Amino acid sequence: MEIALTVTPEAEQALAQLSRDPKADYVRVSAAQSCGCGSVGYRMSWVDAKNEHDVSLERGGLTLIIDRDSQEHMEGCIIDYKSEDMREGFVITNPTATSGCGCGGH
């Protein structure tokens, strides 16, 4: 399976910088329900193993892997890297998501 996932030039550059001193073999990109309202939250983490049904993408010298349960939620997503004021890091958005969180909890 192939996933339509965009990695911005800023995120690609940040991944390339991380690839110089990797903390594990892979970077797992996952999506899961983040609260009771049904909104989806995204996460990136270092992992040493991948599963049989993971989709792999090479970006910035690193292998990003996406598990079977996250694949449908990652379709059309954009991985960006932002450095603003007191916050810096990867930001994953899905412009095809039909609605945001309505619970007011986050």
N, C-alpha and C. Protein backbone atom coordinates (compact mmCIF):
# COMPACT_ATOMS: atom_id res chain seq x y z
N MET A 1 0.83 -1.17 0.00
CA MET A 1 0.00 0.00 0.00
C MET A 1 0.88 1.24 0.00
N GLU A 2 0.46 2.24 -0.73
CA GLU A 2 1.17 3.51 -0.76
C GLU A 2 0.27 4.57 -0.14
N ILE A 3 0.85 5.47 0.61
CA ILE A 3 0.10 6.51 1.29
C ILE A 3 0.49 7.86 0.72
N ALA A 4 -0.51 8.68 0.40
CA ALA A 4 -0.26 10.04 -0.07
C ALA A 4 0.03 10.89 1.15
N LEU A 5 1.30 11.10 1.41
CA LEU A 5 1.76 11.83 2.59
C LEU A 5 2.78 12.86 2.13
N THR A 6 2.60 14.11 2.53
CA THR A 6 3.52 15.17 2.14
C THR A 6 4.45 15.49 3.29
N VAL A 7 5.74 15.56 3.01
CA VAL A 7 6.72 16.01 3.99
C VAL A 7 7.28 17.32 3.45
N THR A 8 7.08 18.40 4.19
CA THR A 8 7.52 19.71 3.72
C THR A 8 9.05 19.77 3.70
N PRO A 9 9.62 20.71 2.95
CA PRO A 9 11.08 20.86 2.94
C PRO A 9 11.65 21.11 4.34
N GLU A 10 10.93 21.84 5.18
CA GLU A 10 11.39 22.10 6.55
C GLU A 10 11.44 20.81 7.36
N ALA A 11 10.42 19.97 7.21
CA ALA A 11 10.40 18.69 7.92
C ALA A 11 11.47 17.76 7.37
N GLU A 12 11.66 17.78 6.07
CA GLU A 12 12.70 16.94 5.45
C GLU A 12 14.08 17.32 5.98
N GLN A 13 14.31 18.61 6.13
CA GLN A 13 15.58 19.10 6.66
C GLN A 13 15.75 18.67 8.12
N ALA A 14 14.68 18.76 8.92
CA ALA A 14 14.75 18.35 10.32
C ALA A 14 14.99 16.84 10.43
N LEU A 15 14.35 16.06 9.57
CA LEU A 15 14.58 14.60 9.56
C LEU A 15 16.02 14.30 9.18
N ALA A 16 16.56 15.03 8.21
CA ALA A 16 17.96 14.82 7.80
C ALA A 16 18.90 15.11 8.97
N GLN A 17 18.58 16.13 9.75
CA GLN A 17 19.40 16.45 10.91
C GLN A 17 19.32 15.33 11.95
N LEU A 18 18.13 14.80 12.17
CA LEU A 18 17.96 13.68 13.10
C LEU A 18 18.68 12.42 12.62
N SER A 19 18.77 12.25 11.31
CA SER A 19 19.39 11.04 10.76
C SER A 19 20.89 10.98 11.05
N ARG A 20 21.48 12.10 11.42
CA ARG A 20 22.91 12.12 11.74
C ARG A 20 23.21 11.41 13.05
N ASP A 21 22.22 11.35 13.95
CA ASP A 21 22.39 10.67 15.23
C ASP A 21 21.07 10.00 15.61
N PRO A 22 20.67 8.97 14.86
CA PRO A 22 19.37 8.33 15.12
C PRO A 22 19.33 7.64 16.49
N LYS A 23 18.16 7.69 17.11
CA LYS A 23 17.95 7.05 18.42
C LYS A 23 17.44 5.62 18.29
N ALA A 24 17.03 5.24 17.08
CA ALA A 24 16.53 3.89 16.81
C ALA A 24 16.57 3.69 15.29
N ASP A 25 16.13 2.53 14.84
CA ASP A 25 16.19 2.21 13.41
C ASP A 25 15.12 2.90 12.58
N TYR A 26 13.97 3.21 13.20
CA TYR A 26 12.84 3.75 12.46
C TYR A 26 12.18 4.89 13.24
N VAL A 27 11.39 5.68 12.51
CA VAL A 27 10.52 6.67 13.13
C VAL A 27 9.09 6.23 12.82
N ARG A 28 8.36 5.87 13.87
CA ARG A 28 6.97 5.46 13.69
C ARG A 28 6.09 6.71 13.71
N VAL A 29 5.27 6.84 12.67
CA VAL A 29 4.29 7.91 12.59
C VAL A 29 2.94 7.24 12.77
N SER A 30 2.20 7.68 13.79
CA SER A 30 0.94 6.99 14.07
C SER A 30 -0.18 7.99 14.30
N ALA A 31 -1.38 7.49 14.13
CA ALA A 31 -2.59 8.28 14.33
C ALA A 31 -3.53 7.45 15.19
N ALA A 32 -4.15 8.12 16.14
CA ALA A 32 -5.10 7.44 17.01
C ALA A 32 -6.09 8.44 17.55
N GLN A 33 -7.21 7.93 18.00
CA GLN A 33 -8.20 8.79 18.62
C GLN A 33 -7.56 9.43 19.83
N SER A 34 -7.63 10.77 19.92
CA SER A 34 -6.94 11.44 21.00
C SER A 34 -7.84 11.77 22.19
N CYS A 35 -9.14 11.68 22.02
CA CYS A 35 -10.05 11.90 23.15
C CYS A 35 -11.41 11.31 22.81
N GLY A 36 -12.35 11.44 23.71
CA GLY A 36 -13.67 10.86 23.53
C GLY A 36 -14.49 11.47 22.42
N CYS A 37 -14.07 12.64 21.91
CA CYS A 37 -14.85 13.30 20.86
C CYS A 37 -14.62 12.68 19.49
N GLY A 38 -13.62 11.82 19.37
CA GLY A 38 -13.36 11.16 18.10
C GLY A 38 -12.31 11.84 17.25
N SER A 39 -11.74 12.94 17.72
CA SER A 39 -10.70 13.59 16.92
C SER A 39 -9.45 12.71 16.89
N VAL A 40 -8.68 12.86 15.83
CA VAL A 40 -7.48 12.04 15.64
C VAL A 40 -6.26 12.86 16.01
N GLY A 41 -5.39 12.27 16.80
CA GLY A 41 -4.12 12.89 17.15
C GLY A 41 -2.99 12.12 16.48
N TYR A 42 -1.92 12.81 16.19
CA TYR A 42 -0.79 12.22 15.48
C TYR A 42 0.44 12.22 16.38
N ARG A 43 1.32 11.26 16.15
CA ARG A 43 2.49 11.11 17.00
C ARG A 43 3.66 10.56 16.19
N MET A 44 4.86 10.95 16.57
CA MET A 44 6.07 10.40 15.97
C MET A 44 6.96 9.92 17.10
N SER A 45 7.56 8.73 16.93
CA SER A 45 8.44 8.19 17.96
C SER A 45 9.49 7.27 17.34
N TRP A 46 10.61 7.18 18.01
CA TRP A 46 11.67 6.27 17.58
C TRP A 46 11.28 4.84 17.96
N VAL A 47 11.50 3.88 17.06
CA VAL A 47 11.27 2.46 17.35
C VAL A 47 12.36 1.63 16.67
N ASP A 48 12.64 0.47 17.24
CA ASP A 48 13.69 -0.39 16.70
C ASP A 48 13.19 -1.49 15.77
N ALA A 49 11.87 -1.69 15.72
CA ALA A 49 11.34 -2.78 14.90
C ALA A 49 10.11 -2.30 14.15
N LYS A 50 9.89 -2.93 13.00
CA LYS A 50 8.66 -2.64 12.28
C LYS A 50 7.85 -3.92 12.15
N ASN A 51 6.57 -3.75 11.90
CA ASN A 51 5.65 -4.88 11.78
C ASN A 51 5.45 -5.25 10.32
N GLU A 52 4.93 -6.43 10.11
CA GLU A 52 4.71 -6.97 8.78
C GLU A 52 3.84 -6.07 7.89
N HIS A 53 2.85 -5.42 8.47
CA HIS A 53 1.90 -4.63 7.69
C HIS A 53 2.21 -3.14 7.70
N ASP A 54 3.37 -2.75 8.24
CA ASP A 54 3.76 -1.34 8.23
C ASP A 54 4.08 -0.89 6.81
N VAL A 55 3.74 0.35 6.52
CA VAL A 55 4.15 0.99 5.27
C VAL A 55 5.40 1.80 5.59
N SER A 56 6.41 1.70 4.73
CA SER A 56 7.68 2.41 4.94
C SER A 56 7.84 3.52 3.91
N LEU A 57 8.35 4.66 4.37
CA LEU A 57 8.65 5.79 3.50
C LEU A 57 10.04 6.32 3.87
N GLU A 58 10.86 6.54 2.89
CA GLU A 58 12.19 7.09 3.14
C GLU A 58 12.12 8.61 2.99
N ARG A 59 12.47 9.33 4.05
CA ARG A 59 12.47 10.78 4.02
C ARG A 59 13.64 11.31 4.85
N GLY A 60 14.41 12.19 4.27
CA GLY A 60 15.49 12.84 5.00
C GLY A 60 16.53 11.89 5.56
N GLY A 61 16.70 10.75 4.91
CA GLY A 61 17.69 9.78 5.39
C GLY A 61 17.18 8.87 6.49
N LEU A 62 15.91 8.97 6.82
CA LEU A 62 15.31 8.11 7.84
C LEU A 62 14.17 7.31 7.21
N THR A 63 13.86 6.18 7.84
CA THR A 63 12.72 5.38 7.41
C THR A 63 11.56 5.66 8.34
N LEU A 64 10.51 6.26 7.77
CA LEU A 64 9.27 6.48 8.51
C LEU A 64 8.40 5.26 8.29
N ILE A 65 7.78 4.75 9.36
CA ILE A 65 6.89 3.61 9.22
C ILE A 65 5.52 3.97 9.79
N ILE A 66 4.49 3.45 9.14
CA ILE A 66 3.12 3.73 9.53
C ILE A 66 2.40 2.39 9.71
N ASP A 67 1.83 2.18 10.89
CA ASP A 67 1.17 0.90 11.18
C ASP A 67 -0.18 0.81 10.47
N ARG A 68 -0.68 -0.39 10.39
CA ARG A 68 -1.92 -0.68 9.65
C ARG A 68 -3.09 0.17 10.15
N ASP A 69 -3.25 0.30 11.47
CA ASP A 69 -4.39 1.05 12.02
C ASP A 69 -4.31 2.54 11.73
N SER A 70 -3.11 3.07 11.52
CA SER A 70 -2.93 4.50 11.28
C SER A 70 -2.99 4.88 9.81
N GLN A 71 -2.83 3.91 8.93
CA GLN A 71 -2.68 4.21 7.50
C GLN A 71 -3.83 5.03 6.93
N GLU A 72 -5.07 4.67 7.23
CA GLU A 72 -6.20 5.42 6.66
C GLU A 72 -6.24 6.85 7.18
N HIS A 73 -5.79 7.08 8.41
CA HIS A 73 -5.79 8.42 9.00
C HIS A 73 -4.63 9.28 8.48
N MET A 74 -3.61 8.64 7.94
CA MET A 74 -2.43 9.37 7.46
C MET A 74 -2.58 9.81 6.00
N GLU A 75 -3.54 9.24 5.30
CA GLU A 75 -3.77 9.58 3.89
C GLU A 75 -4.04 11.08 3.75
N GLY A 76 -3.23 11.76 2.96
CA GLY A 76 -3.40 13.19 2.71
C GLY A 76 -2.76 14.09 3.75
N CYS A 77 -2.13 13.51 4.77
CA CYS A 77 -1.52 14.31 5.83
C CYS A 77 -0.29 15.07 5.35
N ILE A 78 0.03 16.11 6.09
CA ILE A 78 1.23 16.91 5.84
C ILE A 78 2.07 16.89 7.11
N ILE A 79 3.33 16.48 6.97
CA ILE A 79 4.27 16.55 8.09
C ILE A 79 5.11 17.79 7.85
N ASP A 80 5.09 18.69 8.81
CA ASP A 80 5.83 19.95 8.72
C ASP A 80 6.71 20.07 9.95
N TYR A 81 7.64 20.99 9.91
CA TYR A 81 8.47 21.29 11.08
C TYR A 81 8.38 22.79 11.30
N LYS A 82 7.97 23.18 12.50
CA LYS A 82 7.78 24.60 12.80
C LYS A 82 8.64 25.00 13.98
N SER A 83 9.16 26.21 13.90
CA SER A 83 9.91 26.81 14.98
C SER A 83 9.32 28.20 15.22
N GLU A 84 8.51 28.31 16.27
CA GLU A 84 7.82 29.55 16.57
C GLU A 84 7.95 29.87 18.05
N ASP A 85 8.26 31.11 18.36
CA ASP A 85 8.33 31.58 19.73
C ASP A 85 8.98 30.54 20.65
N MET A 86 8.18 29.94 21.53
CA MET A 86 8.72 29.00 22.52
C MET A 86 8.41 27.55 22.16
N ARG A 87 7.98 27.31 20.91
CA ARG A 87 7.63 25.95 20.48
C ARG A 87 8.41 25.58 19.22
N GLU A 88 8.89 24.36 19.21
CA GLU A 88 9.60 23.86 18.03
C GLU A 88 9.35 22.38 17.92
N GLY A 89 9.06 21.91 16.70
CA GLY A 89 8.88 20.49 16.50
C GLY A 89 8.06 20.15 15.28
N PHE A 90 7.84 18.86 15.10
CA PHE A 90 7.06 18.37 13.98
C PHE A 90 5.58 18.60 14.24
N VAL A 91 4.88 18.95 13.17
CA VAL A 91 3.43 19.17 13.24
C VAL A 91 2.81 18.36 12.11
N ILE A 92 1.85 17.52 12.45
CA ILE A 92 1.16 16.71 11.45
C ILE A 92 -0.28 17.20 11.36
N THR A 93 -0.69 17.55 10.15
CA THR A 93 -2.05 18.01 9.93
C THR A 93 -2.68 17.20 8.80
N ASN A 94 -3.99 17.15 8.82
CA ASN A 94 -4.72 16.47 7.76
C ASN A 94 -5.74 17.44 7.18
N PRO A 95 -5.41 18.07 6.04
CA PRO A 95 -6.33 19.02 5.45
C PRO A 95 -7.61 18.38 4.91
N THR A 96 -7.66 17.06 4.81
CA THR A 96 -8.86 16.39 4.32
C THR A 96 -9.80 15.99 5.46
N ALA A 97 -9.40 16.24 6.72
CA ALA A 97 -10.26 15.90 7.87
C ALA A 97 -11.54 16.73 7.77
N THR A 98 -12.66 16.10 8.04
CA THR A 98 -13.95 16.77 7.89
C THR A 98 -14.24 17.78 8.99
N SER A 99 -13.75 17.54 10.20
CA SER A 99 -13.99 18.50 11.28
C SER A 99 -12.93 18.36 12.34
N GLY A 100 -12.81 19.39 13.15
CA GLY A 100 -11.88 19.37 14.26
C GLY A 100 -12.56 18.88 15.51
N CYS A 101 -11.89 19.06 16.60
CA CYS A 101 -12.42 18.63 17.89
C CYS A 101 -13.54 19.56 18.32
N GLY A 102 -14.61 18.98 18.81
CA GLY A 102 -15.72 19.78 19.28
C GLY A 102 -15.94 19.65 20.79
N CYS A 103 -15.08 18.92 21.48
CA CYS A 103 -15.33 18.68 22.90
C CYS A 103 -14.80 19.81 23.78
N GLY A 104 -13.88 20.63 23.25
CA GLY A 104 -13.33 21.71 24.03
C GLY A 104 -12.27 21.28 25.02
N GLY A 105 -11.90 20.03 24.97
CA GLY A 105 -10.91 19.49 25.92
C GLY A 105 -9.48 19.73 25.52
N HIS A 106 -9.24 20.18 24.28
CA HIS A 106 -7.85 20.44 23.84
C HIS A 106 -7.82 21.42 22.72
